[in-house]
Each structure stands twice: as C-alpha cells, then as structure tokens.
N, C-alpha and C. Protein backbone atom coordinates (compact mmCIF):
# COMPACT_ATOMS: atom_id res chain seq x y z
N UNK A 1 122.11 120.43 103.60
CA UNK A 1 120.15 120.94 103.21
C UNK A 1 119.41 120.11 104.40
N UNK A 2 119.57 119.25 104.80
CA UNK A 2 118.43 118.86 105.78
C UNK A 2 119.49 119.09 107.26
N UNK A 3 120.07 119.62 107.72
CA UNK A 3 120.95 119.44 108.60
C UNK A 3 120.19 119.88 109.95
N UNK A 4 118.85 120.82 109.76
CA UNK A 4 117.76 120.91 110.92
C UNK A 4 116.92 119.80 111.69
N UNK A 5 117.10 119.10 110.55
CA UNK A 5 116.45 117.80 111.25
C UNK A 5 117.07 116.25 111.75
N UNK A 6 116.47 116.13 112.56
CA UNK A 6 117.53 114.45 113.42
C UNK A 6 116.78 113.52 112.00
N UNK A 7 117.89 113.05 111.12
CA UNK A 7 117.17 112.20 109.97
C UNK A 7 117.85 110.30 110.68
N UNK A 8 116.83 109.75 111.79
CA UNK A 8 117.22 108.64 112.23
C UNK A 8 116.56 107.66 111.65
N UNK A 9 116.35 106.63 111.42
CA UNK A 9 115.64 105.63 110.75
C UNK A 9 114.40 106.22 110.97
N UNK A 10 113.66 105.93 112.61
CA UNK A 10 112.45 105.92 112.33
C UNK A 10 111.51 107.11 111.73
N UNK A 11 112.65 108.43 112.17
CA UNK A 11 111.77 109.83 110.91
C UNK A 11 111.76 109.15 109.43
N UNK A 12 112.68 108.85 109.36
CA UNK A 12 112.50 108.55 107.85
C UNK A 12 111.64 107.44 107.01
N UNK A 13 111.52 106.56 108.08
CA UNK A 13 110.20 105.58 107.31
C UNK A 13 109.20 106.22 107.64
N UNK A 14 108.98 107.42 108.87
CA UNK A 14 107.48 107.70 108.94
C UNK A 14 107.47 108.94 107.86
N UNK A 15 107.99 109.12 107.42
CA UNK A 15 108.06 110.05 106.13
C UNK A 15 107.84 109.12 104.64
N UNK A 16 108.56 108.51 104.51
CA UNK A 16 108.31 107.15 103.56
C UNK A 16 106.82 106.77 103.68
N UNK A 17 106.23 106.29 104.28
CA UNK A 17 105.33 106.13 104.23
C UNK A 17 104.28 106.84 104.05
N UNK A 18 104.44 107.78 104.62
CA UNK A 18 103.54 109.24 104.60
C UNK A 18 103.11 109.33 102.76
N UNK A 19 104.40 109.29 101.72
CA UNK A 19 105.17 109.88 100.37
C UNK A 19 104.50 108.44 99.81
N UNK A 20 104.24 107.36 100.50
CA UNK A 20 103.87 106.60 100.07
C UNK A 20 102.08 106.64 100.17
N UNK A 21 101.47 107.04 101.04
CA UNK A 21 100.01 107.02 100.96
C UNK A 21 99.24 107.87 100.40
N UNK A 22 99.93 108.81 100.19
CA UNK A 22 100.09 110.09 99.32
C UNK A 22 99.80 109.57 97.94
N UNK A 23 101.11 108.49 97.43
CA UNK A 23 100.86 108.40 96.03
C UNK A 23 99.70 107.37 96.10
N UNK A 24 99.75 106.33 96.65
CA UNK A 24 99.00 104.86 97.12
C UNK A 24 97.53 105.95 96.80
N UNK A 25 97.51 107.01 97.49
CA UNK A 25 95.75 107.28 97.30
C UNK A 25 95.66 108.44 96.27
N UNK A 26 96.38 108.49 95.56
CA UNK A 26 96.14 109.36 94.26
C UNK A 26 95.90 108.51 93.17
N UNK A 27 96.49 107.37 93.45
CA UNK A 27 96.30 106.41 92.01
C UNK A 27 95.10 105.72 92.31
N UNK A 28 94.53 105.75 93.70
CA UNK A 28 93.42 105.04 94.02
C UNK A 28 91.92 105.81 93.53
N UNK A 29 92.34 107.23 93.90
CA UNK A 29 91.29 108.62 93.77
C UNK A 29 91.55 108.46 92.07
N UNK A 30 92.60 108.45 90.96
CA UNK A 30 91.75 108.53 89.80
C UNK A 30 91.59 107.37 89.37
N UNK A 31 91.45 106.02 89.74
CA UNK A 31 91.36 104.84 89.13
C UNK A 31 89.37 104.86 89.54
N UNK A 32 89.35 105.20 90.78
CA UNK A 32 87.95 104.57 90.96
C UNK A 32 87.65 106.44 92.66
N UNK A 33 87.10 106.89 91.84
CA UNK A 33 87.04 107.96 92.59
C UNK A 33 85.63 107.89 93.80
N UNK A 34 86.42 108.56 94.50
CA UNK A 34 85.44 108.54 96.22
C UNK A 34 83.98 109.15 96.28
N UNK A 35 83.76 108.64 97.07
CA UNK A 35 82.32 108.64 97.58
C UNK A 35 82.04 109.09 98.66
N UNK A 36 81.61 110.18 99.73
CA UNK A 36 81.25 110.74 100.65
C UNK A 36 80.40 109.48 101.82
N UNK A 37 81.22 109.82 102.99
CA UNK A 37 80.45 108.50 103.60
C UNK A 37 80.26 108.95 104.97
N UNK A 38 79.58 108.43 105.68
CA UNK A 38 79.65 108.54 106.74
C UNK A 38 80.33 107.81 107.63
N UNK A 39 80.89 107.26 108.75
CA UNK A 39 81.54 106.30 109.67
C UNK A 39 81.25 107.16 111.11
N UNK A 40 82.23 106.42 112.08
CA UNK A 40 81.43 106.96 113.32
C UNK A 40 82.74 108.72 113.86
N UNK A 41 83.19 109.19 112.70
CA UNK A 41 83.64 110.35 112.55
C UNK A 41 82.34 111.45 112.07
N UNK A 42 82.35 112.64 112.85
CA UNK A 42 80.34 113.12 113.15
C UNK A 42 80.52 114.01 112.00
N UNK A 43 81.06 113.15 110.87
CA UNK A 43 80.82 114.23 109.56
C UNK A 43 81.32 113.80 108.20
N UNK A 44 80.36 114.10 107.42
CA UNK A 44 80.73 113.57 106.06
C UNK A 44 82.42 113.37 105.39
N UNK A 45 82.89 112.43 105.43
CA UNK A 45 84.17 112.22 104.38
C UNK A 45 84.53 111.44 102.89
N UNK A 46 85.28 112.03 103.34
CA UNK A 46 86.00 110.55 101.57
C UNK A 46 87.25 110.47 101.88
N UNK A 47 87.87 109.21 101.00
CA UNK A 47 88.97 108.49 101.60
C UNK A 47 89.90 110.08 101.89
N UNK A 48 90.43 111.01 101.06
CA UNK A 48 91.11 111.89 101.34
C UNK A 48 91.43 112.82 102.47
N UNK A 49 90.12 112.82 102.89
CA UNK A 49 89.65 113.62 104.25
C UNK A 49 89.91 112.84 105.00
N UNK A 50 89.63 111.54 105.51
CA UNK A 50 90.32 110.09 106.40
C UNK A 50 91.42 110.16 106.19
N UNK A 51 92.25 110.31 105.23
CA UNK A 51 93.76 109.95 105.60
C UNK A 51 94.47 111.67 105.90
N UNK A 52 93.71 112.46 105.53
CA UNK A 52 93.94 113.84 106.82
C UNK A 52 93.69 114.28 108.08
N UNK A 53 92.42 113.57 107.92
CA UNK A 53 92.41 113.24 109.49
C UNK A 53 94.13 112.30 110.14
N UNK A 54 93.88 111.19 109.75
CA UNK A 54 94.39 110.28 110.02
C UNK A 54 95.97 110.54 109.95
N UNK A 55 96.28 111.14 109.28
CA UNK A 55 97.54 111.84 109.12
C UNK A 55 98.13 112.98 110.60
N UNK A 56 97.02 113.41 110.37
CA UNK A 56 96.86 114.39 112.14
C UNK A 56 97.56 113.82 113.30
N UNK A 57 96.33 112.80 113.04
CA UNK A 57 96.44 112.11 113.98
C UNK A 57 97.69 111.60 114.38
N UNK A 58 98.40 110.78 113.44
CA UNK A 58 99.66 110.68 113.68
C UNK A 58 100.41 111.02 114.01
N UNK A 59 100.63 112.19 113.66
CA UNK A 59 101.79 113.48 114.05
C UNK A 59 101.41 113.70 115.26
N UNK A 60 100.50 113.67 115.92
CA UNK A 60 100.18 113.83 116.81
C UNK A 60 100.47 112.98 117.75
N UNK A 61 100.18 111.64 118.15
CA UNK A 61 100.61 111.22 118.42
C UNK A 61 102.15 110.90 118.83
N UNK A 62 102.83 110.91 117.77
CA UNK A 62 104.46 110.92 117.94
C UNK A 62 104.87 111.75 118.58
N UNK A 63 104.60 113.30 118.34
CA UNK A 63 104.95 114.31 119.29
C UNK A 63 104.74 114.01 119.84
N UNK A 64 103.82 113.48 121.12
CA UNK A 64 102.84 113.48 122.44
C UNK A 64 104.39 112.43 122.63
N UNK A 65 104.56 111.42 122.58
CA UNK A 65 104.45 110.30 122.47
C UNK A 65 106.33 110.78 122.54
N UNK A 66 107.19 111.27 121.89
CA UNK A 66 108.42 112.14 121.89
C UNK A 66 108.67 113.14 123.23
N UNK A 67 107.49 114.28 123.04
CA UNK A 67 107.69 114.79 124.23
C UNK A 67 107.60 114.19 126.05
N UNK A 68 106.67 113.18 125.46
CA UNK A 68 106.38 112.60 127.20
C UNK A 68 107.22 111.50 127.35
N UNK A 69 108.28 111.08 126.47
CA UNK A 69 108.58 109.83 126.49
C UNK A 69 109.84 109.80 127.65
N UNK A 70 110.93 110.79 128.37
CA UNK A 70 111.39 111.18 129.07
C UNK A 70 111.13 110.91 130.55
N UNK A 71 109.52 111.39 130.88
CA UNK A 71 108.50 111.70 131.90
C UNK A 71 107.99 109.78 131.93
N UNK A 72 107.89 109.25 131.16
CA UNK A 72 107.17 107.46 130.94
C UNK A 72 108.57 106.96 131.13
N UNK A 73 109.52 107.25 130.43
CA UNK A 73 110.69 106.55 131.31
C UNK A 73 110.72 106.19 132.36
N UNK A 74 111.02 107.78 133.37
CA UNK A 74 111.12 108.00 134.55
C UNK A 74 109.88 107.02 135.07
N UNK A 75 108.75 107.64 134.79
CA UNK A 75 107.70 106.70 135.80
C UNK A 75 108.00 105.19 135.68
N UNK A 76 108.42 104.44 134.43
CA UNK A 76 108.17 103.56 134.80
C UNK A 76 109.68 102.38 135.40
N UNK A 77 110.58 103.63 135.79
CA UNK A 77 111.57 102.93 136.06
C UNK A 77 112.35 102.46 134.86
N UNK A 78 112.47 102.62 133.95
CA UNK A 78 112.98 102.84 132.59
C UNK A 78 114.61 103.09 132.81
N UNK A 79 115.41 102.59 132.32
CA UNK A 79 116.86 103.00 132.05
C UNK A 79 117.04 103.86 131.49
N UNK A 80 116.22 103.72 130.17
CA UNK A 80 116.36 104.45 128.99
C UNK A 80 114.63 104.74 128.31
N UNK A 81 114.96 105.77 128.08
CA UNK A 81 114.09 106.49 127.19
C UNK A 81 113.03 104.94 126.06
N UNK A 82 111.65 105.12 126.00
CA UNK A 82 111.49 104.10 125.01
C UNK A 82 111.64 104.37 123.40
N UNK A 83 111.67 102.99 122.58
CA UNK A 83 111.60 103.48 121.35
C UNK A 83 110.63 104.06 120.60
N UNK A 84 110.56 104.94 119.91
CA UNK A 84 109.86 105.84 119.03
C UNK A 84 108.92 104.56 118.19
N UNK A 85 109.61 103.27 117.73
CA UNK A 85 109.06 102.74 116.94
C UNK A 85 107.74 102.18 118.08
N UNK A 86 107.55 102.66 118.86
CA UNK A 86 105.74 101.86 119.46
C UNK A 86 104.64 103.10 119.04
N UNK A 87 105.54 104.32 119.06
CA UNK A 87 104.39 105.07 118.93
C UNK A 87 104.77 105.35 117.05
N UNK A 88 105.22 104.68 116.46
CA UNK A 88 104.96 104.99 115.19
C UNK A 88 104.01 103.73 114.82
N UNK A 89 104.34 102.63 115.17
CA UNK A 89 103.47 101.30 114.89
C UNK A 89 101.84 101.77 115.69
N UNK A 90 101.59 102.18 116.51
CA UNK A 90 100.52 103.24 117.28
C UNK A 90 99.72 103.49 116.14
N UNK A 91 100.80 104.55 115.91
CA UNK A 91 100.63 105.85 114.88
C UNK A 91 99.47 105.52 113.51
N UNK A 92 100.20 104.61 113.13
CA UNK A 92 99.80 103.64 112.07
C UNK A 92 98.83 102.99 111.89
N UNK A 93 98.63 102.72 113.25
CA UNK A 93 97.33 101.79 113.81
C UNK A 93 96.37 102.79 113.34
N UNK A 94 96.09 103.42 114.25
CA UNK A 94 95.37 104.84 114.24
C UNK A 94 95.19 105.11 112.85
N UNK A 95 96.09 105.38 112.17
CA UNK A 95 95.69 106.04 110.94
C UNK A 95 94.98 105.21 110.07
N UNK A 96 95.14 103.60 109.96
CA UNK A 96 94.01 102.83 109.23
C UNK A 96 92.70 102.62 109.88
N UNK A 97 92.93 102.84 111.18
CA UNK A 97 91.33 102.34 111.82
C UNK A 97 90.71 104.22 111.14
N UNK A 98 91.69 104.88 110.91
CA UNK A 98 90.58 106.07 110.76
C UNK A 98 89.65 105.85 109.51
N UNK A 99 90.95 105.44 108.39
CA UNK A 99 90.49 105.23 107.05
C UNK A 99 89.71 104.13 107.03
N UNK A 100 89.77 103.39 108.01
CA UNK A 100 89.04 101.64 107.44
C UNK A 100 87.16 102.33 108.01
N UNK A 101 87.45 102.76 109.42
CA UNK A 101 86.05 102.69 110.32
C UNK A 101 85.44 104.77 110.04
N UNK A 102 86.24 105.42 109.62
CA UNK A 102 86.34 107.04 109.99
C UNK A 102 85.14 106.97 108.95
C-alpha cells in the first residue's frame, strides 16, 4: 500500500511529529480557544494559522535540502550526502520559532 514512498526513519519521524502536533493543537484548542494576535508575521494569526505556516515552511526546508544535498555534498567535498536529520532539526526549530514568535 505504501510502496510509492521511501519510508526511512527520518520520514516516519517527520510524519509522526506532524500527527502529534495536530493532535496536541486540537486538544489545546478545545481546552483553551485561541485569540488572534500579531507577531512578526505580517498578519494577525491564530495558533492554527501559525501551525499551518510553520508546517509549510518545514516541508519546504526538507524538500529544498533533499534537492540540494547532492550539490551540497559536492560543494563541501563530502564523500556522501549530508544526513536529512540536519534538515529535520532545522525545520522543527523553524516551526517552533513561527509558533512562538509569529
């Protein structure tokens, strides 16, 4: 059924984190409804808006890293491509930044 996708450990961890974030945000929203606020993003957002924007940014960061990792390895003179764990950690940090300050 899932033969079309390369289910490596980082991919599974990434999707598990997304599911846990969505479940956590759902419970948080039920217990404490959100109010719109303005952070450094150029619009008023709710927690759900910031989560959506952060997830999009995380996906883009990971896609860019996967696309550029071959060229990055060649540019840095590495014998193999860098681990996708670097992009995962960076994308989750970016997501947390958007959730906190956005």
